[in-house]
Structure formats: structure tokens, C-alpha cells
Amino acid sequence: MNEKRIKVLHIVESFSSGTFDFIRELISEMQEFDHIVIHGIREDTPPDYEKLIKATKFIRIKNFQRDVNFVKDFFALIELIRILKNFTKENLIIHLHSSKAGFLGRVAAKLLKLDNFVIYTSHGASFLRKDVSFFKRSIYVLLEKVVTVCGGVVVACSESEADEFKKYGIDAIWINNGVKDYSNILEEKFKKEENKKIIIGNCGRIVHQKNPKLFNFIAQKFTKNDEIEFLWIGDGPLREELSSPKHKDHRVD
């Protein structure tokens, strides 16, 4: 590791699905920095993640988990503090990914006086979840508000998400999620296609946040139209909500 290069510490509990892809793309496009990924493991974390992400180093936090668990969260905080103690302020950026890492990471950085070097991206604020109770969402809001005293810049993934933070008095800026520009490739492909069928697609895990039921409902309205195809790229626990005897081609297993 080159000590003179900027070191970016990516701290992430939600080390899977869209957050995983975001980190992979970000690191791939910013190879002029040294990237250290401090992460948890989920059931859907790719087993070959070290080959998929061009990071300088990976450090696992054993007590990272999604749900609030005061005992495990406390030990995860201790693990995180011990790791961060090995880094100096010089040429350092701490990027926190997901709500759990955002909370524990800001607390750890504050305790170690590294809070001036922190960026927090929630990748979907926990208090916006619709699959948990109102009480839980209220707790998530409270935690987000309390931890703002620990510093750090909140960078939302969209303008609408930034607005949701601001509703609760949490200052936030926003940078839209993006993908590489494949327009030239697609344009060339469509030039060669004689039958230009319209494909309406969605790419992501089949979970509550993606509203597969609505996608399926819309797809069924076009089952008699052979010029339009609905395509879902991904898998997840709610895959059966995309099953329909009238329309089978809008899901990719």
C-alpha cells in the first residue's frame, strides 16, 4: 500500500446486492486511490467477492449484522474502533455504506477524532422501508438524527432521498446512482435488429423495496401485445410475485 496515495476506507455492513455492485463499480473507476473494504458478510454476499472487487485489502467485521442487536452492535463497534486505530488522518477518506455502518462508523470516527473525513451513503435510508412497522421506522429516524452530532457528510443516492433526510432536519446532499454509458453498443445492436421489440426491464433483487407485485400487475396488462416484453433480471425471496400463468417471460431466473 502506497502511504502517499489517498486511502479510502469503505465500511459496509450490507455487503451484497446493489450496495455490493455500487462499491465494486466505484472502486473499479477510482483505481488511483488505495481502497480498503471493511465489511460484514450476508447470506447473499458473493463467495468470490475478493476476486470481483479490485480493492487493496479486505477486513471482515464478524459482528456486523442487519437488524438492531445491542450486544452484537456494541462488539461490532469495538471491532471497528480497533481497525480504525491503525490509520492516520493523513490522506484518509472514510466512506460509510448502508445505515448500520453509517451509524457505527460515525460513532467510531468521532471517538477517534476522524469525523472530518467521513462520507455516509445509506443506499436506501432504513426509515423509508415499508416492510417494517411504523415504530421501527421511528427508531431508525431517531438513530439517524442522534448520530448527526458525530459529523460526516450525508450523500444520498437521489434528490428524493436527500429530501427525505431533510424532512427530519438531517442535512444531505445527493449524487445520483449511475451506470456506464452503453448507448453506443445498444444503438448498434438495434440497428441490426429487424424486429425491434420493446423490452421493459428491471434489474435488481426481487424484494419488497422493488415492488415486484406492481411490476407483475403492469406486465399482465400487456400479455396480448407481442411487441412488448417485460423482463426482470435478478432473483429474491418474492420471486413468486412475478409468476403468472398468462405471462412467463418477464422474469429471468
Protein backbone atom coordinates (compact mmCIF):
# COMPACT_ATOMS: atom_id res chain seq x y z
CA MET A 1 0.00 0.00 0.00
CA ASN A 2 1.41 3.38 -1.03
CA GLU A 3 1.36 5.65 2.04
CA LYS A 4 1.33 8.80 -0.14
CA ARG A 5 -1.81 7.83 -2.04
CA ILE A 6 -5.25 8.66 -0.69
CA LYS A 7 -6.68 5.76 1.29
CA VAL A 8 -10.43 5.23 1.11
CA LEU A 9 -11.89 3.05 3.85
CA HIS A 10 -15.19 1.59 2.66
CA ILE A 11 -17.12 0.44 5.73
CA VAL A 12 -20.15 -1.63 4.78
CA GLU A 13 -22.47 -3.96 6.68
CA SER A 14 -24.80 -4.53 3.72
CA PHE A 15 -22.13 -6.25 1.65
CA SER A 16 -24.42 -7.69 -1.03
CA SER A 17 -26.86 -6.88 -3.86
CA GLY A 18 -26.97 -3.24 -5.02
CA THR A 19 -24.58 -1.92 -2.37
CA PHE A 20 -22.03 -4.54 -3.35
CA ASP A 21 -22.33 -3.56 -7.02
CA PHE A 22 -22.03 0.13 -6.16
CA ILE A 23 -18.78 -0.43 -4.25
CA ARG A 24 -17.40 -2.66 -6.99
CA GLU A 25 -18.09 -0.06 -9.69
CA LEU A 26 -16.84 2.83 -7.57
CA ILE A 27 -13.54 1.14 -6.79
CA SER A 28 -13.10 0.00 -10.39
CA GLU A 29 -13.45 3.58 -11.64
CA MET A 30 -11.16 5.09 -8.96
CA GLN A 31 -8.02 2.96 -9.10
CA GLU A 32 -5.82 5.98 -8.40
CA PHE A 33 -6.73 5.50 -4.71
CA ASP A 34 -5.99 2.69 -2.26
CA HIS A 35 -9.29 1.05 -1.28
CA ILE A 36 -9.70 -0.90 1.96
CA VAL A 37 -13.07 -2.65 2.33
CA ILE A 38 -14.15 -3.19 5.95
CA HIS A 39 -17.22 -5.37 5.66
CA GLY A 40 -19.73 -7.81 7.05
CA ILE A 41 -20.99 -10.98 5.40
CA ARG A 42 -24.60 -11.65 4.43
CA GLU A 43 -26.20 -14.81 3.06
CA ASP A 44 -26.15 -13.36 -0.46
CA THR A 45 -22.63 -11.93 -0.33
CA PRO A 46 -20.79 -13.41 -3.35
CA PRO A 47 -18.33 -16.05 -2.08
CA ASP A 48 -15.68 -14.81 -4.52
CA TYR A 49 -16.00 -11.14 -3.55
CA GLU A 50 -12.23 -10.69 -3.30
CA LYS A 51 -11.94 -11.53 -6.99
CA LEU A 52 -14.85 -9.32 -8.02
CA ILE A 53 -13.68 -6.13 -6.29
CA LYS A 54 -10.30 -4.59 -7.09
CA ALA A 55 -9.62 -3.49 -3.52
CA THR A 56 -6.22 -3.16 -1.87
CA LYS A 57 -7.35 -5.04 1.22
CA PHE A 58 -10.41 -6.65 2.83
CA ILE A 59 -11.09 -6.67 6.57
CA ARG A 60 -14.10 -8.52 7.94
CA ILE A 61 -16.12 -7.41 10.97
CA LYS A 62 -17.60 -10.58 12.43
CA ASN A 63 -20.35 -8.87 14.46
CA PHE A 64 -21.83 -6.85 11.62
CA GLN A 65 -25.50 -7.79 11.03
CA ARG A 66 -28.54 -6.10 9.52
CA ASP A 67 -31.01 -5.95 12.42
CA VAL A 68 -30.52 -3.91 15.58
CA ASN A 69 -28.89 -6.06 18.26
CA PHE A 70 -27.33 -4.00 21.03
CA VAL A 71 -24.87 -6.70 22.10
CA LYS A 72 -23.58 -7.53 18.64
CA ASP A 73 -23.66 -3.88 17.58
CA PHE A 74 -21.52 -2.96 20.58
CA PHE A 75 -18.95 -5.62 19.70
CA ALA A 76 -19.03 -4.54 16.05
CA LEU A 77 -18.26 -1.00 17.23
CA ILE A 78 -15.30 -2.29 19.27
CA GLU A 79 -14.01 -4.21 16.23
CA LEU A 80 -14.37 -1.11 14.09
CA ILE A 81 -12.53 1.13 16.56
CA ARG A 82 -9.63 -1.34 16.74
CA ILE A 83 -9.36 -1.37 12.95
CA LEU A 84 -9.57 2.41 12.51
CA LYS A 85 -6.84 2.94 15.11
CA ASN A 86 -4.38 1.58 12.55
CA PHE A 87 -4.97 4.50 10.19
CA THR A 88 -3.76 8.09 10.45
CA LYS A 89 -5.59 11.20 9.35
CA GLU A 90 -3.16 11.85 6.53
CA ASN A 91 -4.63 11.18 3.06
CA LEU A 92 -7.66 9.42 4.56
CA ILE A 93 -11.31 9.26 3.49
CA ILE A 94 -13.89 7.11 5.31
CA HIS A 95 -16.90 6.16 3.18
CA LEU A 96 -19.73 4.53 5.12
CA HIS A 97 -22.19 2.41 3.14
CA SER A 98 -25.65 1.41 4.49
CA SER A 99 -27.45 2.52 7.64
CA LYS A 100 -25.78 0.19 10.18
CA ALA A 101 -22.27 1.07 9.00
CA GLY A 102 -23.35 4.70 8.82
CA PHE A 103 -24.26 4.75 12.50
CA LEU A 104 -21.41 2.69 13.95
CA GLY A 105 -18.86 4.19 11.59
CA ARG A 106 -19.68 7.76 12.56
CA VAL A 107 -19.56 6.92 16.26
CA ALA A 108 -16.17 5.22 15.86
CA ALA A 109 -14.79 8.07 13.76
CA LYS A 110 -15.95 10.64 16.32
CA LEU A 111 -14.30 8.77 19.18
CA LEU A 112 -11.04 8.60 17.24
CA LYS A 113 -11.30 12.23 16.03
CA LEU A 114 -11.58 11.18 12.40
CA ASP A 115 -15.04 12.68 11.88
CA ASN A 116 -13.81 15.37 9.48
CA PHE A 117 -13.03 12.70 6.90
CA VAL A 118 -16.38 10.86 6.79
CA ILE A 119 -18.90 10.39 3.96
CA TYR A 120 -22.12 8.44 4.57
CA THR A 121 -24.25 6.89 1.81
CA SER A 122 -27.29 4.94 3.05
CA HIS A 123 -28.12 3.20 -0.28
CA GLY A 124 -31.76 3.44 0.72
CA ALA A 125 -32.48 5.01 4.08
CA SER A 126 -33.70 2.49 6.66
CA PHE A 127 -36.51 4.80 7.79
CA LEU A 128 -38.04 4.58 4.28
CA ARG A 129 -38.60 0.84 4.47
CA LYS A 130 -42.23 -0.25 4.07
CA ASP A 131 -41.68 -3.83 5.24
CA VAL A 132 -41.22 -2.84 8.90
CA SER A 133 -43.56 -1.28 11.43
CA PHE A 134 -44.07 2.43 11.98
CA PHE A 135 -42.45 2.04 15.40
CA LYS A 136 -39.27 0.61 13.87
CA ARG A 137 -39.15 3.35 11.25
CA SER A 138 -39.45 5.92 14.04
CA ILE A 139 -36.49 4.32 15.83
CA TYR A 140 -34.47 4.46 12.61
CA VAL A 141 -35.25 8.16 12.24
CA LEU A 142 -34.21 8.81 15.83
CA LEU A 143 -30.91 6.97 15.35
CA GLU A 144 -30.17 8.91 12.15
CA LYS A 145 -30.86 12.21 13.89
CA VAL A 146 -28.85 11.38 17.01
CA VAL A 147 -25.74 10.26 15.10
CA THR A 148 -25.53 13.51 13.13
CA VAL A 149 -23.73 15.00 16.15
CA CYS A 150 -20.83 12.69 15.24
CA GLY A 151 -20.25 14.56 11.99
CA GLY A 152 -19.86 13.29 8.47
CA VAL A 153 -21.45 14.35 5.18
CA VAL A 154 -24.67 12.57 4.18
CA VAL A 155 -24.66 11.83 0.44
CA ALA A 156 -27.99 10.46 -0.77
CA CYS A 157 -28.37 8.34 -3.92
CA SER A 158 -31.04 10.63 -5.38
CA GLU A 159 -32.62 14.03 -4.89
CA SER A 160 -35.79 12.46 -3.49
CA GLU A 161 -33.81 10.51 -0.87
CA ALA A 162 -31.96 13.68 0.14
CA ASP A 163 -35.32 15.40 0.54
CA GLU A 164 -36.47 12.62 2.89
CA PHE A 165 -33.43 13.18 5.10
CA LYS A 166 -34.10 16.92 5.13
CA LYS A 167 -37.71 16.33 6.25
CA TYR A 168 -36.27 15.17 9.57
CA GLY A 169 -33.79 18.01 9.88
CA ILE A 170 -30.83 15.99 8.58
CA ASP A 171 -28.71 17.93 6.12
CA ALA A 172 -27.89 15.93 2.97
CA ILE A 173 -26.51 16.37 -0.50
CA TRP A 174 -27.13 13.96 -3.35
CA ILE A 175 -25.35 12.26 -6.24
CA ASN A 176 -27.49 10.09 -8.48
CA ASN A 177 -26.54 6.45 -8.81
CA GLY A 178 -25.18 5.82 -12.26
CA VAL A 179 -24.10 3.16 -14.70
CA LYS A 180 -21.58 3.12 -17.51
CA ASP A 181 -22.73 4.59 -20.81
CA TYR A 182 -23.61 1.68 -23.09
CA SER A 183 -25.67 3.79 -25.52
CA ASN A 184 -23.31 3.23 -28.46
CA ILE A 185 -23.43 -0.54 -28.01
CA LEU A 186 -27.21 -0.55 -27.71
CA GLU A 187 -27.64 1.74 -30.70
CA GLU A 188 -25.52 -0.56 -32.84
CA LYS A 189 -27.47 -3.58 -31.64
CA PHE A 190 -30.85 -2.07 -32.52
CA LYS A 191 -29.62 -1.10 -35.97
CA LYS A 192 -29.10 -4.80 -36.69
CA GLU A 193 -32.44 -5.91 -35.26
CA GLU A 194 -35.23 -6.30 -37.80
CA ASN A 195 -37.95 -6.79 -35.20
CA LYS A 196 -37.49 -4.09 -32.64
CA LYS A 197 -39.49 -5.48 -29.78
CA ILE A 198 -39.85 -3.08 -26.85
CA ILE A 199 -38.37 -4.55 -23.67
CA ILE A 200 -39.38 -3.04 -20.35
CA GLY A 201 -36.86 -4.25 -17.81
CA ASN A 202 -35.99 -4.05 -14.17
CA CYS A 203 -32.67 -5.15 -12.70
CA GLY A 204 -32.40 -5.94 -9.00
CA ARG A 205 -33.27 -8.30 -6.19
CA ILE A 206 -36.91 -9.36 -6.03
CA VAL A 207 -37.67 -7.80 -2.65
CA HIS A 208 -40.33 -5.57 -1.12
CA GLN A 209 -38.46 -2.34 -1.90
CA LYS A 210 -38.57 -3.10 -5.65
CA ASN A 211 -42.36 -3.63 -5.63
CA PRO A 212 -42.46 -6.79 -7.83
CA LYS A 213 -46.24 -7.01 -7.37
CA LEU A 214 -46.71 -3.71 -9.21
CA PHE A 215 -44.27 -4.77 -11.94
CA ASN A 216 -46.22 -8.00 -12.39
CA PHE A 217 -49.56 -6.15 -12.45
CA ILE A 218 -48.37 -3.84 -15.23
CA ALA A 219 -46.84 -6.73 -17.20
CA GLN A 220 -50.16 -8.61 -17.23
CA LYS A 221 -51.84 -5.64 -18.90
CA PHE A 222 -49.65 -6.24 -21.96
CA THR A 223 -49.90 -10.03 -22.27
CA LYS A 224 -51.76 -9.76 -25.60
CA ASN A 225 -49.21 -7.39 -27.10
CA ASP A 226 -46.42 -9.36 -28.80
CA GLU A 227 -44.37 -6.21 -29.43
CA ILE A 228 -43.76 -5.57 -25.73
CA GLU A 229 -41.85 -7.85 -23.37
CA PHE A 230 -41.35 -7.42 -19.61
CA LEU A 231 -38.04 -8.63 -18.25
CA TRP A 232 -36.84 -8.86 -14.64
CA ILE A 233 -33.13 -9.55 -14.19
CA GLY A 234 -32.44 -10.88 -10.72
CA ASP A 235 -33.77 -13.15 -8.02
CA GLY A 236 -35.01 -12.89 -4.46
CA PRO A 237 -37.47 -14.06 -1.81
CA LEU A 238 -40.52 -12.53 -3.56
CA ARG A 239 -39.90 -14.19 -6.93
CA GLU A 240 -43.34 -15.85 -6.88
CA GLU A 241 -44.95 -12.42 -7.12
CA LEU A 242 -43.59 -12.32 -10.67
CA SER A 243 -45.15 -15.66 -11.60
CA SER A 244 -48.20 -15.57 -13.80
CA PRO A 245 -49.87 -18.28 -15.91
CA LYS A 246 -50.65 -15.61 -18.51
CA HIS A 247 -47.17 -14.14 -18.75
CA LYS A 248 -43.97 -16.04 -18.08
CA ASP A 249 -41.28 -14.09 -19.91
CA HIS A 250 -40.88 -11.13 -17.57
CA ARG A 251 -38.57 -12.91 -15.12
CA VAL A 252 -35.04 -14.18 -15.51
CA ASP A 253 -34.04 -16.93 -13.07
